[in-house]
């Protein structure tokens, strides 16, 4: 099972990113565990320039923006 982490303070963009990631996983029939990371020290460990950030299986794939569902589907399937 994939592990998907949403990095951020819990702001509106963080919530939007989580919604997009969940939609992508559902649309692709991919089972994933979603975790919210709000602790700044943990977030900084991913070498993130700006939030929100998206991490798939410990690999930072997006930061500072809301990717499209299609982009997230591609990251989840690789």
PDB file of N, CA and C in Angstrom:
ATOM      1  N   UNK A   1       0.841  -1.186   0.000  1.00  0.00           N
ATOM      2  CA  UNK A   1       0.000   0.000   0.000  1.00  0.00           C
ATOM      3  C   UNK A   1       0.886   1.250   0.000  1.00  0.00           C
ATOM      4  N   UNK A   2       0.467   2.243  -0.744  1.00  0.00           N
ATOM      5  CA  UNK A   2       1.201   3.499  -0.810  1.00  0.00           C
ATOM      6  C   UNK A   2       0.981   4.324   0.453  1.00  0.00           C
ATOM      7  N   UNK A   3       1.979   5.110   0.796  1.00  0.00           N
ATOM      8  CA  UNK A   3       1.829   6.085   1.857  1.00  0.00           C
ATOM      9  C   UNK A   3       1.902   7.467   1.234  1.00  0.00           C
ATOM     10  N   UNK A   4       0.851   8.260   1.444  1.00  0.00           N
ATOM     11  CA  UNK A   4       0.779   9.606   0.887  1.00  0.00           C
ATOM     12  C   UNK A   4       0.743  10.579   2.054  1.00  0.00           C
ATOM     13  N   UNK A   5       1.672  11.523   2.062  1.00  0.00           N
ATOM     14  CA  UNK A   5       1.718  12.516   3.138  1.00  0.00           C
ATOM     15  C   UNK A   5       1.417  13.899   2.579  1.00  0.00           C
ATOM     16  N   UNK A   6       0.569  14.611   3.292  1.00  0.00           N
ATOM     17  CA  UNK A   6       0.263  15.989   2.972  1.00  0.00           C
ATOM     18  C   UNK A   6       1.043  16.840   3.971  1.00  0.00           C
ATOM     19  N   UNK A   7       1.959  17.654   3.478  1.00  0.00           N
ATOM     20  CA  UNK A   7       2.794  18.481   4.350  1.00  0.00           C
ATOM     21  C   UNK A   7       2.251  19.902   4.376  1.00  0.00           C
ATOM     22  N   UNK A   8       1.955  20.393   5.568  1.00  0.00           N
ATOM     23  CA  UNK A   8       1.482  21.767   5.689  1.00  0.00           C
ATOM     24  C   UNK A   8       0.798  22.007   7.013  1.00  0.00           C
ATOM     25  N   UNK A   9       0.423  23.247   7.219  1.00  0.00           N
ATOM     26  CA  UNK A   9      -0.128  23.674   8.507  1.00  0.00           C
ATOM     27  C   UNK A   9      -1.599  23.313   8.685  1.00  0.00           C
ATOM     28  N   UNK A  10      -2.229  22.821   7.629  1.00  0.00           N
ATOM     29  CA  UNK A  10      -3.657  22.537   7.710  1.00  0.00           C
ATOM     30  C   UNK A  10      -4.479  23.654   7.084  1.00  0.00           C
ATOM     31  N   UNK A  11      -3.830  24.474   6.269  1.00  0.00           N
ATOM     32  CA  UNK A  11      -4.492  25.608   5.619  1.00  0.00           C
ATOM     33  C   UNK A  11      -5.444  25.114   4.522  1.00  0.00           C
ATOM     34  N   UNK A  12      -6.138  26.035   3.898  1.00  0.00           N
ATOM     35  CA  UNK A  12      -7.101  25.685   2.846  1.00  0.00           C
ATOM     36  C   UNK A  12      -6.425  24.949   1.689  1.00  0.00           C
ATOM     37  N   UNK A  13      -5.219  25.391   1.307  1.00  0.00           N
ATOM     38  CA  UNK A  13      -4.522  24.720   0.213  1.00  0.00           C
ATOM     39  C   UNK A  13      -4.100  23.302   0.583  1.00  0.00           C
ATOM     40  N   UNK A  14      -3.759  23.089   1.853  1.00  0.00           N
ATOM     41  CA  UNK A  14      -3.400  21.746   2.314  1.00  0.00           C
ATOM     42  C   UNK A  14      -4.611  20.824   2.201  1.00  0.00           C
ATOM     43  N   UNK A  15      -5.769  21.323   2.589  1.00  0.00           N
ATOM     44  CA  UNK A  15      -6.999  20.531   2.512  1.00  0.00           C
ATOM     45  C   UNK A  15      -7.362  20.238   1.060  1.00  0.00           C
ATOM     46  N   UNK A  16      -7.154  21.219   0.182  1.00  0.00           N
ATOM     47  CA  UNK A  16      -7.436  21.036  -1.248  1.00  0.00           C
ATOM     48  C   UNK A  16      -6.497  19.985  -1.830  1.00  0.00           C
ATOM     49  N   UNK A  17      -5.232  20.049  -1.454  1.00  0.00           N
ATOM     50  CA  UNK A  17      -4.253  19.073  -1.931  1.00  0.00           C
ATOM     51  C   UNK A  17      -4.644  17.666  -1.487  1.00  0.00           C
ATOM     52  N   UNK A  18      -5.063  17.528  -0.244  1.00  0.00           N
ATOM     53  CA  UNK A  18      -5.485  16.208   0.240  1.00  0.00           C
ATOM     54  C   UNK A  18      -6.686  15.705  -0.557  1.00  0.00           C
ATOM     55  N   UNK A  19      -7.634  16.580  -0.840  1.00  0.00           N
ATOM     56  CA  UNK A  19      -8.823  16.190  -1.606  1.00  0.00           C
ATOM     57  C   UNK A  19      -8.434  15.719  -3.012  1.00  0.00           C
ATOM     58  N   UNK A  20      -7.511  16.437  -3.650  1.00  0.00           N
ATOM     59  CA  UNK A  20      -7.047  16.061  -4.994  1.00  0.00           C
ATOM     60  C   UNK A  20      -6.334  14.708  -4.945  1.00  0.00           C
ATOM     61  N   UNK A  21      -5.488  14.503  -3.945  1.00  0.00           N
ATOM     62  CA  UNK A  21      -4.739  13.247  -3.823  1.00  0.00           C
ATOM     63  C   UNK A  21      -5.677  12.071  -3.576  1.00  0.00           C
ATOM     64  N   UNK A  22      -6.678  12.276  -2.706  1.00  0.00           N
ATOM     65  CA  UNK A  22      -7.649  11.202  -2.440  1.00  0.00           C
ATOM     66  C   UNK A  22      -8.464  10.885  -3.691  1.00  0.00           C
ATOM     67  N   UNK A  23      -8.853  11.931  -4.425  1.00  0.00           N
ATOM     68  CA  UNK A  23      -9.621  11.722  -5.658  1.00  0.00           C
ATOM     69  C   UNK A  23      -8.799  10.931  -6.681  1.00  0.00           C
ATOM     70  N   UNK A  24      -7.523  11.270  -6.799  1.00  0.00           N
ATOM     71  CA  UNK A  24      -6.637  10.575  -7.738  1.00  0.00           C
ATOM     72  C   UNK A  24      -6.490   9.106  -7.368  1.00  0.00           C
ATOM     73  N   UNK A  25      -6.308   8.823  -6.091  1.00  0.00           N
ATOM     74  CA  UNK A  25      -6.163   7.436  -5.645  1.00  0.00           C
ATOM     75  C   UNK A  25      -7.444   6.649  -5.904  1.00  0.00           C
ATOM     76  N   UNK A  26      -8.588   7.247  -5.592  1.00  0.00           N
ATOM     77  CA  UNK A  26      -9.875   6.586  -5.803  1.00  0.00           C
ATOM     78  C   UNK A  26     -10.107   6.319  -7.293  1.00  0.00           C
ATOM     79  N   UNK A  27      -9.842   7.319  -8.121  1.00  0.00           N
ATOM     80  CA  UNK A  27     -10.062   7.186  -9.560  1.00  0.00           C
ATOM     81  C   UNK A  27      -9.166   6.110 -10.174  1.00  0.00           C
ATOM     82  N   UNK A  28      -7.979   5.925  -9.600  1.00  0.00           N
ATOM     83  CA  UNK A  28      -7.030   4.936 -10.121  1.00  0.00           C
ATOM     84  C   UNK A  28      -7.159   3.584  -9.433  1.00  0.00           C
ATOM     85  N   UNK A  29      -8.097   3.478  -8.491  1.00  0.00           N
ATOM     86  CA  UNK A  29      -8.285   2.247  -7.711  1.00  0.00           C
ATOM     87  C   UNK A  29      -6.995   1.850  -7.000  1.00  0.00           C
ATOM     88  N   UNK A  30      -6.317   2.858  -6.447  1.00  0.00           N
ATOM     89  CA  UNK A  30      -5.066   2.631  -5.718  1.00  0.00           C
ATOM     90  C   UNK A  30      -5.353   2.790  -4.237  1.00  0.00           C
ATOM     91  N   UNK A  31      -4.941   1.790  -3.467  1.00  0.00           N
ATOM     92  CA  UNK A  31      -5.130   1.858  -2.023  1.00  0.00           C
ATOM     93  C   UNK A  31      -3.956   2.615  -1.426  1.00  0.00           C
ATOM     94  N   UNK A  32      -4.272   3.647  -0.664  1.00  0.00           N
ATOM     95  CA  UNK A  32      -3.209   4.465  -0.089  1.00  0.00           C
ATOM     96  C   UNK A  32      -3.587   4.887   1.326  1.00  0.00           C
ATOM     97  N   UNK A  33      -2.562   5.050   2.142  1.00  0.00           N
ATOM     98  CA  UNK A  33      -2.746   5.566   3.493  1.00  0.00           C
ATOM     99  C   UNK A  33      -2.392   7.049   3.444  1.00  0.00           C
ATOM    100  N   UNK A  34      -3.304   7.894   3.917  1.00  0.00           N
ATOM    101  CA  UNK A  34      -3.088   9.343   3.887  1.00  0.00           C
ATOM    102  C   UNK A  34      -2.728   9.840   5.273  1.00  0.00           C
ATOM    103  N   UNK A  35      -1.639  10.576   5.346  1.00  0.00           N
ATOM    104  CA  UNK A  35      -1.175  11.129   6.615  1.00  0.00           C
ATOM    105  C   UNK A  35      -0.998  12.629   6.463  1.00  0.00           C
ATOM    106  N   UNK A  36      -1.416  13.371   7.483  1.00  0.00           N
ATOM    107  CA  UNK A  36      -1.191  14.819   7.487  1.00  0.00           C
ATOM    108  C   UNK A  36       0.005  15.101   8.374  1.00  0.00           C
ATOM    109  N   UNK A  37       0.960  15.844   7.856  1.00  0.00           N
ATOM    110  CA  UNK A  37       2.148  16.210   8.625  1.00  0.00           C
ATOM    111  C   UNK A  37       2.092  17.723   8.839  1.00  0.00           C
ATOM    112  N   UNK A  38       1.890  18.131  10.085  1.00  0.00           N
ATOM    113  CA  UNK A  38       1.785  19.557  10.388  1.00  0.00           C
ATOM    114  C   UNK A  38       2.962  20.061  11.214  1.00  0.00           C
ATOM    115  N   UNK A  39       3.793  19.165  11.716  1.00  0.00           N
ATOM    116  CA  UNK A  39       4.944  19.555  12.530  1.00  0.00           C
ATOM    117  C   UNK A  39       6.044  20.147  11.631  1.00  0.00           C
ATOM    118  N   UNK A  40       6.416  21.395  11.886  1.00  0.00           N
ATOM    119  CA  UNK A  40       7.367  22.091  11.020  1.00  0.00           C
ATOM    120  C   UNK A  40       8.711  21.370  10.906  1.00  0.00           C
ATOM    121  N   UNK A  41       9.187  20.771  11.979  1.00  0.00           N
ATOM    122  CA  UNK A  41      10.471  20.059  11.904  1.00  0.00           C
ATOM    123  C   UNK A  41      10.372  18.861  10.966  1.00  0.00           C
ATOM    124  N   UNK A  42       9.260  18.137  11.036  1.00  0.00           N
ATOM    125  CA  UNK A  42       9.070  17.000  10.134  1.00  0.00           C
ATOM    126  C   UNK A  42       8.930  17.472   8.691  1.00  0.00           C
ATOM    127  N   UNK A  43       8.221  18.577   8.485  1.00  0.00           N
ATOM    128  CA  UNK A  43       8.043  19.121   7.137  1.00  0.00           C
ATOM    129  C   UNK A  43       9.391  19.536   6.543  1.00  0.00           C
ATOM    130  N   UNK A  44      10.211  20.215   7.342  1.00  0.00           N
ATOM    131  CA  UNK A  44      11.505  20.698   6.857  1.00  0.00           C
ATOM    132  C   UNK A  44      12.454  19.543   6.512  1.00  0.00           C
ATOM    133  N   UNK A  45      12.238  18.381   7.085  1.00  0.00           N
ATOM    134  CA  UNK A  45      13.074  17.215   6.787  1.00  0.00           C
ATOM    135  C   UNK A  45      12.949  16.793   5.325  1.00  0.00           C
ATOM    136  N   UNK A  46      11.878  17.217   4.659  1.00  0.00           N
ATOM    137  CA  UNK A  46      11.673  16.866   3.251  1.00  0.00           C
ATOM    138  C   UNK A  46      12.259  17.899   2.291  1.00  0.00           C
ATOM    139  N   UNK A  47      13.009  18.854   2.797  1.00  0.00           N
ATOM    140  CA  UNK A  47      13.644  19.865   1.951  1.00  0.00           C
ATOM    141  C   UNK A  47      12.604  20.590   1.091  1.00  0.00           C
ATOM    142  N   UNK A  48      11.532  20.959   1.744  1.00  0.00           N
ATOM    143  CA  UNK A  48      10.385  21.584   1.100  1.00  0.00           C
ATOM    144  C   UNK A  48      10.574  23.101   1.105  1.00  0.00           C
ATOM    145  N   UNK A  49      10.386  23.744  -0.053  1.00  0.00           N
ATOM    146  CA  UNK A  49      10.543  25.199  -0.127  1.00  0.00           C
ATOM    147  C   UNK A  49       9.287  25.930   0.322  1.00  0.00           C
ATOM    148  N   UNK A  50       8.134  25.418  -0.065  1.00  0.00           N
ATOM    149  CA  UNK A  50       6.883  26.033   0.391  1.00  0.00           C
ATOM    150  C   UNK A  50       5.783  24.986   0.455  1.00  0.00           C
ATOM    151  N   UNK A  51       4.818  25.234   1.328  1.00  0.00           N
ATOM    152  CA  UNK A  51       3.710  24.300   1.493  1.00  0.00           C
ATOM    153  C   UNK A  51       2.566  24.726   0.580  1.00  0.00           C
ATOM    154  N   UNK A  52       1.646  23.859   0.258  1.00  0.00           N
ATOM    155  CA  UNK A  52       1.569  22.477   0.721  1.00  0.00           C
ATOM    156  C   UNK A  52       2.525  21.574  -0.066  1.00  0.00           C
ATOM    157  N   UNK A  53       2.900  20.490   0.567  1.00  0.00           N
ATOM    158  CA  UNK A  53       3.774  19.517  -0.081  1.00  0.00           C
ATOM    159  C   UNK A  53       3.087  18.165  -0.156  1.00  0.00           C
ATOM    160  N   UNK A  54       3.454  17.407  -1.170  1.00  0.00           N
ATOM    161  CA  UNK A  54       2.896  16.062  -1.346  1.00  0.00           C
ATOM    162  C   UNK A  54       4.047  15.080  -1.416  1.00  0.00           C
ATOM    163  N   UNK A  55       3.997  14.069  -0.553  1.00  0.00           N
ATOM    164  CA  UNK A  55       5.032  13.043  -0.486  1.00  0.00           C
ATOM    165  C   UNK A  55       4.382  11.696  -0.765  1.00  0.00           C
ATOM    166  N   UNK A  56       4.939  10.955  -1.723  1.00  0.00           N
ATOM    167  CA  UNK A  56       4.449   9.613  -2.039  1.00  0.00           C
ATOM    168  C   UNK A  56       5.575   8.638  -1.725  1.00  0.00           C
ATOM    169  N   UNK A  57       5.317   7.718  -0.790  1.00  0.00           N
ATOM    170  CA  UNK A  57       6.327   6.742  -0.360  1.00  0.00           C
ATOM    171  C   UNK A  57       7.671   7.410  -0.066  1.00  0.00           C
ATOM    172  N   UNK A  58       7.626   8.465   0.747  1.00  0.00           N
ATOM    173  CA  UNK A  58       8.803   9.192   1.226  1.00  0.00           C
ATOM    174  C   UNK A  58       9.525   9.990   0.140  1.00  0.00           C
ATOM    175  N   UNK A  59       8.912  10.173  -1.039  1.00  0.00           N
ATOM    176  CA  UNK A  59       9.518  10.986  -2.094  1.00  0.00           C
ATOM    177  C   UNK A  59       8.668  12.236  -2.289  1.00  0.00           C
ATOM    178  N   UNK A  60       9.295  13.399  -2.127  1.00  0.00           N
ATOM    179  CA  UNK A  60       8.589  14.668  -2.337  1.00  0.00           C
ATOM    180  C   UNK A  60       8.324  14.826  -3.832  1.00  0.00           C
ATOM    181  N   UNK A  61       7.046  14.894  -4.214  1.00  0.00           N
ATOM    182  CA  UNK A  61       6.696  15.000  -5.634  1.00  0.00           C
ATOM    183  C   UNK A  61       6.142  16.369  -5.998  1.00  0.00           C
ATOM    184  N   UNK A  62       5.680  17.126  -5.012  1.00  0.00           N
ATOM    185  CA  UNK A  62       5.106  18.436  -5.309  1.00  0.00           C
ATOM    186  C   UNK A  62       5.246  19.338  -4.091  1.00  0.00           C
ATOM    187  N   UNK A  63       5.490  20.634  -4.351  1.00  0.00           N
ATOM    188  CA  UNK A  63       5.502  21.586  -3.245  1.00  0.00           C
ATOM    189  C   UNK A  63       5.073  22.958  -3.733  1.00  0.00           C
ATOM    190  N   UNK A  64       4.377  23.659  -2.865  1.00  0.00           N
ATOM    191  CA  UNK A  64       4.008  25.037  -3.140  1.00  0.00           C
ATOM    192  C   UNK A  64       2.878  25.240  -4.128  1.00  0.00           C
ATOM    193  N   UNK A  65       2.198  24.169  -4.503  1.00  0.00           N
ATOM    194  CA  UNK A  65       1.095  24.309  -5.452  1.00  0.00           C
ATOM    195  C   UNK A  65       0.123  23.144  -5.305  1.00  0.00           C
ATOM    196  N   UNK A  66      -1.013  23.266  -5.984  1.00  0.00           N
ATOM    197  CA  UNK A  66      -1.998  22.189  -6.001  1.00  0.00           C
ATOM    198  C   UNK A  66      -1.896  21.514  -7.368  1.00  0.00           C
ATOM    199  N   UNK A  67      -1.374  20.289  -7.438  1.00  0.00           N
ATOM    200  CA  UNK A  67      -1.275  19.608  -8.728  1.00  0.00           C
ATOM    201  C   UNK A  67      -2.660  19.149  -9.204  1.00  0.00           C
ATOM    202  N   UNK A  68      -2.736  18.785 -10.472  1.00  0.00           N
ATOM    203  CA  UNK A  68      -3.999  18.270 -11.001  1.00  0.00           C
ATOM    204  C   UNK A  68      -4.179  16.820 -10.573  1.00  0.00           C
ATOM    205  N   UNK A  69      -5.410  16.345 -10.673  1.00  0.00           N
ATOM    206  CA  UNK A  69      -5.696  14.944 -10.351  1.00  0.00           C
ATOM    207  C   UNK A  69      -4.854  14.034 -11.251  1.00  0.00           C
ATOM    208  N   UNK A  70      -4.742  14.384 -12.534  1.00  0.00           N
ATOM    209  CA  UNK A  70      -3.963  13.568 -13.481  1.00  0.00           C
ATOM    210  C   UNK A  70      -2.488  13.486 -13.066  1.00  0.00           C
ATOM    211  N   UNK A  71      -1.917  14.590 -12.619  1.00  0.00           N
ATOM    212  CA  UNK A  71      -0.521  14.578 -12.167  1.00  0.00           C
ATOM    213  C   UNK A  71      -0.356  13.630 -10.984  1.00  0.00           C
ATOM    214  N   UNK A  72      -1.267  13.739 -10.025  1.00  0.00           N
ATOM    215  CA  UNK A  72      -1.169  12.897  -8.820  1.00  0.00           C
ATOM    216  C   UNK A  72      -1.349  11.434  -9.197  1.00  0.00           C
ATOM    217  N   UNK A  73      -2.252  11.138 -10.122  1.00  0.00           N
ATOM    218  CA  UNK A  73      -2.448   9.754 -10.554  1.00  0.00           C
ATOM    219  C   UNK A  73      -1.153   9.191 -11.110  1.00  0.00           C
ATOM    220  N   UNK A  74      -0.431  10.011 -11.893  1.00  0.00           N
ATOM    221  CA  UNK A  74       0.843   9.568 -12.481  1.00  0.00           C
ATOM    222  C   UNK A  74       1.849   9.259 -11.367  1.00  0.00           C
ATOM    223  N   UNK A  75       1.926  10.125 -10.362  1.00  0.00           N
ATOM    224  CA  UNK A  75       2.877   9.901  -9.257  1.00  0.00           C
ATOM    225  C   UNK A  75       2.505   8.670  -8.442  1.00  0.00           C
ATOM    226  N   UNK A  76       1.222   8.441  -8.264  1.00  0.00           N
ATOM    227  CA  UNK A  76       0.789   7.292  -7.470  1.00  0.00           C
ATOM    228  C   UNK A  76       1.049   5.965  -8.191  1.00  0.00           C
ATOM    229  N   UNK A  77       1.049   5.999  -9.511  1.00  0.00           N
ATOM    230  CA  UNK A  77       1.162   4.747 -10.260  1.00  0.00           C
ATOM    231  C   UNK A  77       2.598   4.397 -10.622  1.00  0.00           C
ATOM    232  N   UNK A  78       3.566   5.258 -10.261  1.00  0.00           N
ATOM    233  CA  UNK A  78       4.966   4.940 -10.609  1.00  0.00           C
ATOM    234  C   UNK A  78       5.721   4.418  -9.413  1.00  0.00           C
TER     235      UNK A  78
END
